[in-house]
Amino acid sequence: MRTPTADVYGAYPPLTDDQIAILRSCGQVQAVCEGEQLFRAGEPSEEFFVVLSGTVAVVEGHGDQEQVVQLHGPHSFLGELGVLEGQTAFLSAVVRTPGEVLAVGSAALRDLLSREPALGDVILRAYLLRRTMLAGAGTGFRIIGSAFSPDTRRLLEFAARNRLPHRWADLEKDTEAEALLTRLGIAPEETPIVVWHDYRVLRNPSNVELARVIGLRTETAAKAVCDLVVVGAGPGGLAAAVYGASEGLSTVVLDAVATGGQAGTSPRIENYLGFPAGISGMELAERAVVQANRFGARIDVPAEAAGLEQREGNSVVRLADGGTVTAANVVVATGARYRRLTAAGVERFEGLGIHYAATVWEARTCRLDTVAVVGGGNSAGQAALFLARESPAVHLLVRGGDLEHSMSRYLIDRIERHPRIHVRLYTEVREVTGEDRVESLIVEDNRTREQGVLAARALFVFIGARPATSWLADAVALDRRGFIPTGQDVAQVTADLWNPLARTPLALETGLPGVFAVGDVRSGSVKRVASAVGEGAMAVRLAHEHLGEVGSPAIR
């Protein structure tokens, strides 16, 4: 057994006697003996534990391979984010010295935390910190595969976007990976694989298969009939889920990739009301997910919407896996995705140094390296500041002649003062070069056409976005850029659809009755997290109006 290496699990101030007394109201005291497992990696996290006496070790692996990640004594609490979100445990908890623990069921814990916000904030902050630290330490399941495999890159992106602790073993570089494949009897051409706890092997699993194992996908949405279906789990979609479910609407949330949307990849949102020190996109997303779950919203990830139609006054969302969700109201919150860079070599290096998000998962691949960020908006500025924490140099490449046109003043001021961020205006990337990963960029001054080489081990791209509306096909009217017009903007071109209701479209309503668009996917929207959240909440009020006209599909 190895000794603890670092406080990876996230030490947090111990609970007070008053806080433990609150938890006792919905829990049970249990005597525990040495060697007893309180929870096991790979199994559902169904209980929250507080150590009353004795000690409990949180460990990774077992037997000779066991590593103690954290040792908990009296007044410490166990677990991490999976306890609140119904995921499987990524680590195990083993009693080291006998004593007593307080066990609280996860459902009872979620209910209690909504009634005791101060206690809830302590636990949630610790859980968010622990999840981030687990990811940074490379704990969790293993992905083994070649960096040049599209399926390897797909699995890595899915794990990163869903904030799942994992580590990657590159077949081309990691000798231990090859030895493990030999031990498991797997040929290199059968990779990528996911090695789950106790050496359970998933051979090139789909995102859906991996999600089911982890506990992200519950299959609750398939063939569901509800009051409200939300397509897209970014800030606007999660706001609609929270407000809809809290107001008694049966609510299903679908997202093709991960909760949080584009905002979930932001390392720091500093202009969101109520968070003067800023908040990471990950923390904002996880808080919203916990909140939506508590009110009874059903969240399925990944669940990709493939089409939309109306039948007998209801909206039917078709899923890519063949399922359907029928609802009186649909909130389309699929957002917009960053455009791909079109320079030579980009396609080859996507996932090998080219990234479209800048979170702790991407940053750990280029720690202490010189990097480049392309873009002149807030997302590019936030990424540059985040990466500059550890990178010796961050080059911010901007196509235009200034930052004022599209970046907030507070970000510009911080970037201009930062000694490791170098802003290069009138600069565009023409080629990405390297052997097995990004090593340098060919950049061009778009005024003089003069080119030069910029050494960088990673390239982060934030160059505008395109709306995620291809799944809608001809179901609703789109503007010339592919965004969804709503309210007054859509009334004239779709007037025939509104005759049965004898009214004009509601403020956020699209060209279909009871179908609303919020956030970045909506034509004319303000590209800010706060506005998306506001629109999500407003859409629920409008959904109530529509329900008053047509009734609930569950009772008709």
Protein backbone atom coordinates (compact mmCIF):
# COMPACT_ATOMS: atom_id res chain seq x y z
CA MET A 1 0.00 0.00 0.00
CA ARG A 2 1.33 3.43 -0.92
CA THR A 3 1.10 6.30 1.49
CA PRO A 4 -0.93 9.42 0.77
CA THR A 5 0.82 11.57 -1.83
CA ALA A 6 -1.16 14.80 -1.62
CA ASP A 7 -4.43 16.17 -0.46
CA VAL A 8 -5.96 15.34 -3.83
CA TYR A 9 -9.41 14.57 -2.47
CA GLY A 10 -9.82 18.12 -1.30
CA ALA A 11 -9.56 18.82 2.42
CA TYR A 12 -12.31 21.05 3.67
CA PRO A 13 -13.03 22.54 7.09
CA PRO A 14 -14.68 19.85 9.24
CA LEU A 15 -18.40 20.09 9.88
CA THR A 16 -19.47 21.80 13.06
CA ASP A 17 -21.53 20.10 15.76
CA ASP A 18 -24.55 22.15 14.68
CA GLN A 19 -24.17 21.06 11.06
CA ILE A 20 -23.87 17.41 12.08
CA ALA A 21 -26.98 17.80 14.23
CA ILE A 22 -28.89 18.98 11.15
CA LEU A 23 -27.69 15.97 9.17
CA ARG A 24 -28.68 13.59 11.97
CA SER A 25 -32.31 14.59 11.40
CA CYS A 26 -32.38 12.61 8.15
CA GLY A 27 -29.59 10.05 8.68
CA GLN A 28 -28.65 7.01 10.70
CA VAL A 29 -25.62 6.38 12.89
CA GLN A 30 -23.77 3.17 12.01
CA ALA A 31 -20.94 1.38 13.79
CA VAL A 32 -18.13 0.46 11.39
CA CYS A 33 -15.21 -1.93 11.74
CA GLU A 34 -11.71 -1.97 10.27
CA GLY A 35 -11.63 -2.95 6.59
CA GLU A 36 -15.32 -2.23 5.98
CA GLN A 37 -16.08 -0.53 2.65
CA LEU A 38 -18.51 2.37 2.84
CA PHE A 39 -18.64 2.76 -0.92
CA ARG A 40 -16.77 1.17 -3.78
CA ALA A 41 -15.39 2.61 -7.01
CA GLY A 42 -17.57 1.74 -9.97
CA GLU A 43 -20.77 1.39 -7.95
CA PRO A 44 -23.54 4.00 -7.52
CA SER A 45 -22.93 6.74 -4.95
CA GLU A 46 -26.13 6.35 -2.95
CA GLU A 47 -25.16 7.60 0.52
CA PHE A 48 -23.45 10.58 2.10
CA PHE A 49 -21.19 9.73 5.06
CA VAL A 50 -19.93 11.85 7.95
CA VAL A 51 -17.17 10.34 10.10
CA LEU A 52 -18.19 10.66 13.76
CA SER A 53 -15.30 8.68 15.23
CA GLY A 54 -12.48 6.53 13.88
CA THR A 55 -10.84 7.11 10.48
CA VAL A 56 -11.81 6.34 6.89
CA ALA A 57 -9.40 6.25 3.94
CA VAL A 58 -10.45 7.25 0.45
CA VAL A 59 -8.44 5.03 -1.88
CA GLU A 60 -7.87 4.35 -5.54
CA GLY A 61 -7.24 0.77 -6.64
CA HIS A 62 -7.04 -2.17 -4.27
CA GLY A 63 -4.58 -4.69 -2.88
CA ASP A 64 -0.95 -3.99 -3.72
CA GLN A 65 -2.04 -1.26 -6.13
CA GLU A 66 -4.03 0.66 -3.53
CA GLN A 67 -3.20 4.33 -3.11
CA VAL A 68 -4.56 6.36 -0.21
CA VAL A 69 -5.82 9.66 -1.61
CA GLN A 70 -7.16 11.12 1.62
CA LEU A 71 -7.55 10.06 5.24
CA HIS A 72 -10.68 11.38 6.98
CA GLY A 73 -11.13 11.76 10.72
CA PRO A 74 -14.02 12.87 12.95
CA HIS A 75 -16.31 15.58 11.54
CA SER A 76 -15.08 15.01 7.96
CA PHE A 77 -17.54 14.08 5.23
CA LEU A 78 -16.92 11.72 2.34
CA GLY A 79 -17.86 11.67 -1.32
CA GLU A 80 -17.75 14.07 -4.23
CA LEU A 81 -20.09 15.39 -6.91
CA GLY A 82 -21.40 11.98 -7.97
CA VAL A 83 -23.33 11.67 -4.69
CA LEU A 84 -25.55 14.59 -5.68
CA GLU A 85 -25.82 13.72 -9.37
CA GLY A 86 -26.41 9.97 -9.14
CA GLN A 87 -23.12 8.96 -10.74
CA THR A 88 -20.98 6.00 -9.82
CA ALA A 89 -18.13 6.48 -7.36
CA PHE A 90 -14.68 7.07 -8.82
CA LEU A 91 -12.89 6.10 -5.59
CA SER A 92 -13.50 3.71 -2.69
CA ALA A 93 -13.84 4.43 1.02
CA VAL A 94 -12.38 1.92 3.51
CA VAL A 95 -12.54 2.10 7.32
CA ARG A 96 -9.02 2.24 8.77
CA THR A 97 -9.85 2.43 12.47
CA PRO A 98 -13.25 1.41 13.85
CA GLY A 99 -15.77 3.96 14.97
CA GLU A 100 -19.11 5.42 13.89
CA VAL A 101 -20.36 7.14 10.76
CA LEU A 102 -23.55 9.04 9.98
CA ALA A 103 -25.15 7.80 6.74
CA VAL A 104 -27.63 9.98 4.82
CA GLY A 105 -29.34 8.80 1.63
CA SER A 106 -28.54 10.91 -1.43
CA ALA A 107 -32.20 11.81 -2.07
CA ALA A 108 -32.65 12.89 1.56
CA LEU A 109 -29.42 14.86 1.34
CA ARG A 110 -30.56 16.79 -1.74
CA ASP A 111 -33.84 17.65 -0.03
CA LEU A 112 -32.09 18.71 3.17
CA LEU A 113 -29.58 20.90 1.38
CA SER A 114 -32.39 22.85 -0.29
CA ARG A 115 -33.79 23.63 3.17
CA GLU A 116 -30.39 24.39 4.70
CA PRO A 117 -28.60 26.58 2.14
CA ALA A 118 -25.60 27.38 4.35
CA LEU A 119 -24.84 23.70 4.91
CA GLY A 120 -25.58 22.97 1.27
CA ASP A 121 -23.07 25.55 0.14
CA VAL A 122 -20.32 24.02 2.31
CA ILE A 123 -20.91 20.53 0.92
CA LEU A 124 -21.40 21.60 -2.69
CA ARG A 125 -18.25 23.75 -2.72
CA ALA A 126 -16.23 20.87 -1.30
CA TYR A 127 -17.69 18.47 -3.86
CA LEU A 128 -16.93 20.81 -6.77
CA LEU A 129 -13.37 21.29 -5.51
CA ARG A 130 -12.89 17.55 -5.11
CA ARG A 131 -14.13 16.83 -8.63
CA THR A 132 -11.75 19.39 -10.10
CA MET A 133 -8.81 18.09 -8.08
CA LEU A 134 -9.57 14.48 -8.96
CA ALA A 135 -9.56 15.39 -12.63
CA GLY A 136 -6.32 17.32 -12.33
CA ALA A 137 -4.67 14.38 -10.55
CA GLY A 138 -5.61 11.92 -13.30
CA THR A 139 -7.68 9.59 -11.15
CA GLY A 140 -10.78 7.75 -12.35
CA PHE A 141 -11.18 5.48 -15.35
CA ARG A 142 -8.53 5.02 -18.02
CA ILE A 143 -8.83 5.63 -21.75
CA ILE A 144 -6.22 3.68 -23.73
CA GLY A 145 -5.82 4.49 -27.38
CA SER A 146 -3.83 6.22 -30.06
CA ALA A 147 -3.74 9.99 -30.26
CA PHE A 148 -4.40 9.60 -33.98
CA SER A 149 -7.63 7.65 -33.49
CA PRO A 150 -10.85 9.67 -33.97
CA ASP A 151 -12.60 7.41 -31.45
CA THR A 152 -9.90 8.08 -28.84
CA ARG A 153 -10.36 11.80 -29.34
CA ARG A 154 -14.15 11.37 -29.15
CA LEU A 155 -13.93 9.60 -25.78
CA LEU A 156 -11.45 12.14 -24.42
CA GLU A 157 -13.69 15.03 -25.45
CA PHE A 158 -16.76 13.39 -23.93
CA ALA A 159 -14.96 12.78 -20.63
CA ALA A 160 -13.58 16.31 -20.52
CA ARG A 161 -16.85 18.06 -21.44
CA ASN A 162 -18.72 16.06 -18.78
CA ARG A 163 -16.05 16.82 -16.19
CA LEU A 164 -15.36 13.14 -15.52
CA PRO A 165 -12.13 12.15 -13.71
CA HIS A 166 -10.06 10.10 -16.13
CA ARG A 167 -6.56 9.63 -17.47
CA TRP A 168 -5.36 8.86 -20.95
CA ALA A 169 -2.67 6.37 -21.89
CA ASP A 170 -1.31 7.14 -25.35
CA LEU A 171 -0.37 3.92 -27.14
CA GLU A 172 2.42 5.67 -29.00
CA LYS A 173 4.10 6.95 -25.82
CA ASP A 174 3.00 4.98 -22.77
CA THR A 175 4.84 1.68 -22.32
CA GLU A 176 2.57 0.73 -19.42
CA ALA A 177 -0.42 0.99 -21.74
CA GLU A 178 1.00 -1.66 -24.05
CA ALA A 179 1.77 -3.93 -21.11
CA LEU A 180 -1.78 -3.54 -19.79
CA LEU A 181 -3.25 -4.43 -23.20
CA THR A 182 -1.11 -7.56 -23.26
CA ARG A 183 -2.28 -8.49 -19.77
CA LEU A 184 -5.91 -7.99 -20.81
CA GLY A 185 -5.47 -9.92 -24.06
CA ILE A 186 -6.38 -6.94 -26.25
CA ALA A 187 -4.65 -6.20 -29.55
CA PRO A 188 -3.67 -2.57 -30.28
CA GLU A 189 -6.01 -2.52 -33.29
CA GLU A 190 -8.95 -3.18 -30.94
CA THR A 191 -8.39 0.12 -29.14
CA PRO A 192 -9.49 2.56 -27.91
CA ILE A 193 -10.73 0.93 -24.75
CA VAL A 194 -11.98 2.25 -21.44
CA VAL A 195 -10.68 0.42 -18.38
CA TRP A 196 -13.28 0.77 -15.67
CA HIS A 197 -12.75 -0.15 -12.04
CA ASP A 198 -11.67 -3.75 -11.28
CA TYR A 199 -10.41 -3.99 -14.86
CA ARG A 200 -13.81 -4.05 -16.51
CA VAL A 201 -13.04 -3.31 -20.15
CA LEU A 202 -15.28 -1.36 -22.54
CA ARG A 203 -14.10 -1.86 -26.12
CA ASN A 204 -14.46 1.35 -28.10
CA PRO A 205 -17.69 2.24 -26.29
CA SER A 206 -20.09 4.78 -27.69
CA ASN A 207 -20.64 7.91 -25.65
CA VAL A 208 -24.05 6.56 -24.66
CA GLU A 209 -22.57 3.27 -23.43
CA LEU A 210 -19.94 5.05 -21.34
CA ALA A 211 -22.59 7.40 -19.95
CA ARG A 212 -24.75 4.48 -18.84
CA VAL A 213 -21.84 2.88 -16.97
CA ILE A 214 -21.03 6.14 -15.18
CA GLY A 215 -24.66 6.91 -14.38
CA LEU A 216 -25.12 9.96 -16.63
CA ARG A 217 -27.71 8.32 -18.87
CA THR A 218 -30.84 6.99 -17.19
CA GLU A 219 -33.08 6.28 -20.21
CA THR A 220 -35.90 8.17 -18.52
CA ALA A 221 -36.50 10.34 -21.56
CA ALA A 222 -37.16 7.63 -24.14
CA LYS A 223 -40.82 7.70 -25.20
CA ALA A 224 -41.59 10.16 -22.42
CA VAL A 225 -44.68 12.39 -22.41
CA CYS A 226 -44.27 15.59 -20.42
CA ASP A 227 -45.25 19.23 -20.08
CA LEU A 228 -41.86 20.61 -21.09
CA VAL A 229 -38.88 19.24 -22.98
CA VAL A 230 -35.70 21.33 -23.03
CA VAL A 231 -33.26 20.61 -25.85
CA GLY A 232 -29.82 21.81 -24.80
CA ALA A 233 -28.35 22.00 -21.30
CA GLY A 234 -26.42 25.25 -21.38
CA PRO A 235 -27.31 28.14 -19.05
CA GLY A 236 -30.57 28.93 -20.89
CA GLY A 237 -31.68 25.31 -20.98
CA LEU A 238 -30.76 24.62 -17.36
CA ALA A 239 -32.58 27.79 -16.27
CA ALA A 240 -35.70 26.60 -18.10
CA ALA A 241 -35.34 23.20 -16.40
CA VAL A 242 -35.01 24.72 -12.91
CA TYR A 243 -37.92 27.10 -13.31
CA GLY A 244 -40.12 24.61 -15.15
CA ALA A 245 -39.62 21.78 -12.67
CA SER A 246 -39.88 24.08 -9.64
CA GLU A 247 -43.24 25.33 -10.93
CA GLY A 248 -44.69 21.87 -11.26
CA LEU A 249 -44.13 21.13 -14.94
CA SER A 250 -42.96 17.61 -15.74
CA THR A 251 -39.61 18.44 -17.35
CA VAL A 252 -37.12 16.46 -19.45
CA VAL A 253 -33.73 17.91 -20.47
CA LEU A 254 -31.73 16.54 -23.41
CA ASP A 255 -28.19 17.34 -24.48
CA ALA A 256 -26.09 15.66 -27.13
CA VAL A 257 -22.75 16.14 -25.35
CA ALA A 258 -22.73 17.55 -21.81
CA THR A 259 -24.43 19.87 -19.38
CA GLY A 260 -23.11 23.42 -19.26
CA GLY A 261 -22.98 24.13 -22.97
CA GLN A 262 -20.39 26.56 -24.26
CA ALA A 263 -20.42 28.41 -20.93
CA GLY A 264 -19.43 25.19 -19.17
CA THR A 265 -16.06 25.33 -20.91
CA SER A 266 -15.29 28.82 -19.61
CA PRO A 267 -12.55 28.88 -16.95
CA ARG A 268 -13.99 32.02 -15.32
CA ILE A 269 -17.16 34.08 -15.80
CA GLU A 270 -16.48 37.37 -14.05
CA ASN A 271 -19.44 39.55 -15.04
CA TYR A 272 -22.29 37.29 -13.88
CA LEU A 273 -24.52 39.00 -11.34
CA GLY A 274 -24.03 37.88 -7.74
CA PHE A 275 -20.52 36.44 -8.14
CA PRO A 276 -18.11 39.34 -7.57
CA ALA A 277 -15.09 37.02 -7.54
CA GLY A 278 -16.32 35.27 -10.67
CA ILE A 279 -17.40 31.66 -11.12
CA SER A 280 -16.12 28.95 -13.44
CA GLY A 281 -18.45 27.64 -16.11
CA MET A 282 -18.07 24.17 -14.62
CA GLU A 283 -19.21 25.26 -11.17
CA LEU A 284 -22.14 27.23 -12.55
CA ALA A 285 -23.25 24.23 -14.61
CA GLU A 286 -22.89 21.72 -11.78
CA ARG A 287 -24.82 23.95 -9.38
CA ALA A 288 -27.62 24.27 -11.92
CA VAL A 289 -27.71 20.51 -12.53
CA VAL A 290 -27.99 19.78 -8.80
CA GLN A 291 -30.74 22.40 -8.54
CA ALA A 292 -32.70 21.01 -11.51
CA ASN A 293 -32.39 17.45 -10.19
CA ARG A 294 -33.68 18.52 -6.80
CA PHE A 295 -36.86 19.94 -8.34
CA GLY A 296 -37.45 16.73 -10.28
CA ALA A 297 -36.21 17.58 -13.77
CA ARG A 298 -34.92 14.53 -15.67
CA ILE A 299 -31.60 15.17 -17.39
CA ASP A 300 -30.30 12.78 -20.04
CA VAL A 301 -26.76 13.09 -21.46
CA PRO A 302 -25.91 12.21 -24.13
CA ALA A 303 -29.31 12.33 -25.82
CA GLU A 304 -29.14 13.89 -29.26
CA ALA A 305 -32.20 15.51 -30.79
CA ALA A 306 -32.56 14.54 -34.45
CA GLY A 307 -35.85 16.17 -35.43
CA LEU A 308 -38.94 18.08 -34.37
CA GLU A 309 -42.55 17.81 -35.55
CA GLN A 310 -46.04 18.52 -34.29
CA ARG A 311 -48.76 15.93 -33.89
CA GLU A 312 -52.26 16.59 -32.63
CA GLY A 313 -51.26 19.86 -31.00
CA ASN A 314 -48.17 18.46 -29.24
CA SER A 315 -44.50 18.75 -30.16
CA VAL A 316 -42.52 15.55 -30.69
CA VAL A 317 -38.73 15.57 -30.40
CA ARG A 318 -37.15 12.64 -32.22
CA LEU A 319 -33.89 11.32 -30.78
CA ALA A 320 -30.93 10.00 -32.74
CA ASP A 321 -31.23 6.63 -30.98
CA GLY A 322 -34.84 6.19 -32.12
CA GLY A 323 -36.60 7.41 -28.98
CA THR A 324 -39.10 10.25 -28.86
CA VAL A 325 -40.20 12.79 -26.29
CA THR A 326 -43.68 14.29 -26.58
CA ALA A 327 -44.46 17.57 -24.85
CA ALA A 328 -46.89 20.47 -24.93
CA ASN A 329 -43.91 22.84 -24.87
CA VAL A 330 -40.37 22.70 -26.23
CA VAL A 331 -37.55 25.06 -25.28
CA VAL A 332 -34.80 25.01 -27.91
CA ALA A 333 -31.55 25.96 -26.14
CA THR A 334 -29.01 24.19 -28.33
CA GLY A 335 -26.78 27.27 -28.45
CA ALA A 336 -23.96 27.86 -30.86
CA ARG A 337 -20.63 26.12 -31.34
CA TYR A 338 -17.25 27.69 -31.97
CA ARG A 339 -16.26 27.64 -35.61
CA ARG A 340 -13.42 25.37 -36.67
CA LEU A 341 -10.22 27.01 -37.79
CA THR A 342 -9.65 26.49 -41.54
CA ALA A 343 -5.85 26.75 -41.60
CA ALA A 344 -3.72 23.95 -43.03
CA GLY A 345 -2.97 21.15 -40.55
CA VAL A 346 -5.84 21.96 -38.22
CA GLU A 347 -7.84 18.81 -38.88
CA ARG A 348 -4.80 16.62 -38.25
CA PHE A 349 -4.07 18.17 -34.85
CA GLU A 350 -7.56 18.54 -33.38
CA GLY A 351 -7.29 16.84 -29.99
CA LEU A 352 -3.49 16.82 -30.35
CA GLY A 353 -2.92 20.37 -29.22
CA ILE A 354 -5.82 22.18 -30.89
CA HIS A 355 -8.71 22.80 -28.50
CA TYR A 356 -12.05 24.61 -28.58
CA ALA A 357 -12.34 24.94 -24.81
CA ALA A 358 -9.94 25.99 -22.05
CA THR A 359 -10.79 24.14 -18.87
CA VAL A 360 -8.55 22.29 -16.40
CA TRP A 361 -8.89 19.17 -18.59
CA GLU A 362 -7.41 20.83 -21.68
CA ALA A 363 -4.95 22.97 -19.76
CA ARG A 364 -3.27 19.99 -18.11
CA THR A 365 -2.10 18.74 -21.53
CA CYS A 366 0.07 21.81 -22.09
CA ARG A 367 1.04 22.84 -18.59
CA LEU A 368 4.25 24.94 -18.55
CA ASP A 369 4.25 25.23 -22.37
CA THR A 370 3.93 28.30 -24.56
CA VAL A 371 0.43 28.39 -26.06
CA ALA A 372 -1.64 30.51 -28.46
CA VAL A 373 -5.26 31.62 -28.26
CA VAL A 374 -7.15 32.72 -31.38
CA GLY A 375 -10.03 35.15 -30.99
CA GLY A 376 -10.92 38.63 -29.84
CA GLY A 377 -14.03 38.04 -27.73
CA ASN A 378 -14.65 37.44 -24.05
CA SER A 379 -14.17 33.68 -24.32
CA ALA A 380 -10.72 34.14 -25.85
CA GLY A 381 -9.79 36.69 -23.18
CA GLN A 382 -10.93 34.45 -20.33
CA ALA A 383 -9.00 31.54 -21.82
CA ALA A 384 -5.81 33.59 -22.14
CA LEU A 385 -5.97 34.70 -18.50
CA PHE A 386 -6.67 31.16 -17.31
CA LEU A 387 -3.84 29.60 -19.31
CA ALA A 388 -1.40 32.31 -18.23
CA ARG A 389 -1.57 30.99 -14.66
CA GLU A 390 0.91 28.25 -15.58
CA SER A 391 2.07 28.92 -19.11
CA PRO A 392 5.30 30.94 -19.49
CA ALA A 393 3.77 32.77 -22.47
CA VAL A 394 0.30 33.07 -23.97
CA HIS A 395 -0.01 34.65 -27.42
CA LEU A 396 -3.48 36.13 -28.06
CA LEU A 397 -3.94 36.26 -31.84
CA VAL A 398 -6.57 38.76 -32.98
CA ARG A 399 -7.66 39.23 -36.59
CA GLY A 400 -8.78 42.84 -36.05
CA GLY A 401 -6.97 45.96 -34.99
CA ASP A 402 -8.18 46.18 -31.39
CA LEU A 403 -9.89 44.29 -28.57
CA GLU A 404 -12.48 46.95 -27.75
CA HIS A 405 -14.81 45.87 -30.55
CA SER A 406 -15.82 42.54 -28.98
CA MET A 407 -14.19 42.14 -25.55
CA SER A 408 -15.36 43.55 -22.22
CA ARG A 409 -13.26 46.35 -20.76
CA TYR A 410 -12.48 44.51 -17.52
CA LEU A 411 -10.88 41.68 -19.49
CA ILE A 412 -8.91 44.04 -21.70
CA ASP A 413 -7.47 45.82 -18.66
CA ARG A 414 -6.35 42.56 -17.06
CA ILE A 415 -4.85 41.24 -20.30
CA GLU A 416 -2.90 44.45 -20.89
CA ARG A 417 -1.45 44.28 -17.38
CA HIS A 418 -0.53 40.59 -17.50
CA PRO A 419 3.22 40.10 -18.09
CA ARG A 420 2.84 36.69 -19.76
CA ILE A 421 0.06 37.54 -22.24
CA HIS A 422 1.21 38.95 -25.58
CA VAL A 423 -1.51 40.43 -27.82
CA ARG A 424 -0.82 40.22 -31.55
CA LEU A 425 -3.29 42.28 -33.59
CA TYR A 426 -3.98 41.88 -37.33
CA THR A 427 -2.77 38.29 -36.99
CA GLU A 428 -4.21 35.11 -38.52
CA VAL A 429 -3.10 31.47 -38.37
CA ARG A 430 -2.28 30.05 -41.79
CA GLU A 431 -0.83 26.66 -40.85
CA VAL A 432 -0.32 24.40 -37.83
CA THR A 433 2.83 22.26 -37.86
CA GLY A 434 4.37 19.48 -35.81
CA GLU A 435 5.16 15.78 -35.80
CA ASP A 436 2.75 14.01 -33.47
CA ARG A 437 1.26 17.15 -31.88
CA VAL A 438 1.23 20.92 -32.30
CA GLU A 439 4.74 22.41 -32.22
CA SER A 440 4.45 25.72 -34.08
CA LEU A 441 2.15 28.00 -36.06
CA ILE A 442 2.62 29.85 -39.30
CA VAL A 443 1.01 33.24 -38.65
CA GLU A 444 0.39 36.10 -41.06
CA ASP A 445 -0.05 39.84 -40.68
CA ASN A 446 -3.26 40.40 -42.65
CA ARG A 447 -2.20 43.94 -43.61
CA THR A 448 1.27 43.24 -45.02
CA ARG A 449 0.86 39.48 -45.75
CA GLU A 450 4.18 38.94 -44.01
CA GLN A 451 4.40 35.47 -42.43
CA GLY A 452 6.37 34.17 -39.47
CA VAL A 453 6.76 31.12 -37.25
CA LEU A 454 5.36 31.17 -33.72
CA ALA A 455 6.47 28.37 -31.41
CA ALA A 456 3.48 27.05 -29.44
CA ARG A 457 2.61 23.64 -28.05
CA ALA A 458 -1.13 24.21 -28.09
CA LEU A 459 -3.69 26.32 -29.91
CA PHE A 460 -7.02 27.33 -28.35
CA VAL A 461 -9.64 28.53 -30.83
CA PHE A 462 -12.50 30.94 -30.07
CA ILE A 463 -13.43 32.54 -33.40
CA GLY A 464 -17.16 33.04 -33.45
CA ALA A 465 -19.98 30.57 -33.43
CA ARG A 466 -22.54 28.92 -35.66
CA PRO A 467 -26.00 27.98 -34.38
CA ALA A 468 -26.77 24.34 -33.58
CA THR A 469 -29.97 24.19 -35.61
CA SER A 470 -29.28 21.53 -38.26
CA TRP A 471 -31.50 19.04 -36.37
CA LEU A 472 -34.50 21.30 -36.89
CA ALA A 473 -34.35 21.03 -40.72
CA ASP A 474 -37.53 22.70 -42.01
CA ALA A 475 -39.45 22.43 -38.74
CA VAL A 476 -39.07 26.12 -37.82
CA ALA A 477 -38.13 29.23 -39.74
CA LEU A 478 -34.46 30.27 -39.55
CA ASP A 479 -32.80 33.55 -40.43
CA ARG A 480 -30.14 33.83 -43.12
CA ARG A 481 -27.38 32.88 -40.64
CA GLY A 482 -29.24 29.84 -39.32
CA PHE A 483 -30.45 31.34 -36.03
CA ILE A 484 -34.09 31.05 -34.91
CA PRO A 485 -36.33 34.14 -35.15
CA THR A 486 -38.88 34.52 -32.36
CA GLY A 487 -41.90 36.69 -31.50
CA GLN A 488 -42.43 39.68 -33.77
CA ASP A 489 -39.55 38.63 -36.04
CA VAL A 490 -41.29 35.43 -37.07
CA ALA A 491 -44.95 36.49 -37.12
CA GLN A 492 -45.13 37.63 -40.73
CA VAL A 493 -43.49 34.63 -42.39
CA THR A 494 -45.46 32.02 -40.45
CA ALA A 495 -48.82 33.72 -39.99
CA ASP A 496 -50.74 30.68 -41.22
CA LEU A 497 -49.49 28.58 -38.30
CA TRP A 498 -51.07 30.90 -35.76
CA ASN A 499 -54.62 31.00 -37.11
CA PRO A 500 -55.83 28.02 -35.00
CA LEU A 501 -54.77 29.89 -31.85
CA ALA A 502 -56.08 33.28 -33.01
CA ARG A 503 -52.99 35.06 -31.70
CA THR A 504 -49.55 36.27 -32.67
CA PRO A 505 -46.40 34.48 -31.45
CA LEU A 506 -45.38 35.00 -27.85
CA ALA A 507 -42.13 36.85 -27.17
CA LEU A 508 -39.76 33.86 -27.41
CA GLU A 509 -42.01 31.64 -29.52
CA THR A 510 -40.72 30.31 -32.84
CA GLY A 511 -42.60 29.45 -36.00
CA LEU A 512 -44.31 26.56 -34.22
CA PRO A 513 -46.86 27.00 -31.42
CA GLY A 514 -45.43 26.04 -28.03
CA VAL A 515 -41.85 25.90 -29.31
CA PHE A 516 -39.60 28.56 -27.78
CA ALA A 517 -35.97 29.50 -28.46
CA VAL A 518 -33.61 30.91 -25.84
CA GLY A 519 -29.95 31.81 -25.54
CA ASP A 520 -27.35 31.89 -28.28
CA VAL A 521 -29.46 29.89 -30.76
CA ARG A 522 -32.08 32.66 -30.90
CA SER A 523 -31.80 35.32 -33.60
CA GLY A 524 -30.85 38.66 -32.09
CA SER A 525 -29.93 37.28 -28.68
CA VAL A 526 -27.39 38.97 -26.42
CA LYS A 527 -24.47 36.56 -26.16
CA ARG A 528 -24.22 36.61 -22.38
CA VAL A 529 -24.84 33.95 -19.74
CA ALA A 530 -27.16 36.22 -17.74
CA SER A 531 -29.39 36.94 -20.73
CA ALA A 532 -29.63 33.22 -21.58
CA VAL A 533 -30.65 32.44 -17.99
CA GLY A 534 -33.26 35.20 -18.09
CA GLU A 535 -34.69 33.93 -21.37
CA GLY A 536 -34.85 30.39 -20.00
CA ALA A 537 -36.89 31.60 -17.04
CA MET A 538 -39.11 33.74 -19.27
CA ALA A 539 -39.77 30.81 -21.61
CA VAL A 540 -41.29 28.87 -18.72
CA ARG A 541 -43.78 31.65 -18.02
CA LEU A 542 -44.74 31.66 -21.70
CA ALA A 543 -45.00 27.86 -21.62
CA HIS A 544 -47.59 28.20 -18.86
CA GLU A 545 -49.60 30.49 -21.14
CA HIS A 546 -49.46 27.94 -23.93
CA LEU A 547 -50.43 25.12 -21.57
CA GLY A 548 -53.45 27.15 -20.55
CA GLU A 549 -54.57 27.07 -24.18
CA VAL A 550 -53.88 23.44 -25.10
CA GLY A 551 -53.73 21.54 -21.78
CA SER A 552 -51.16 19.03 -20.59
CA PRO A 553 -50.34 16.13 -22.97
CA ALA A 554 -50.19 13.83 -19.96
CA ILE A 555 -53.93 14.19 -19.33
CA ARG A 556 -55.33 14.49 -22.84
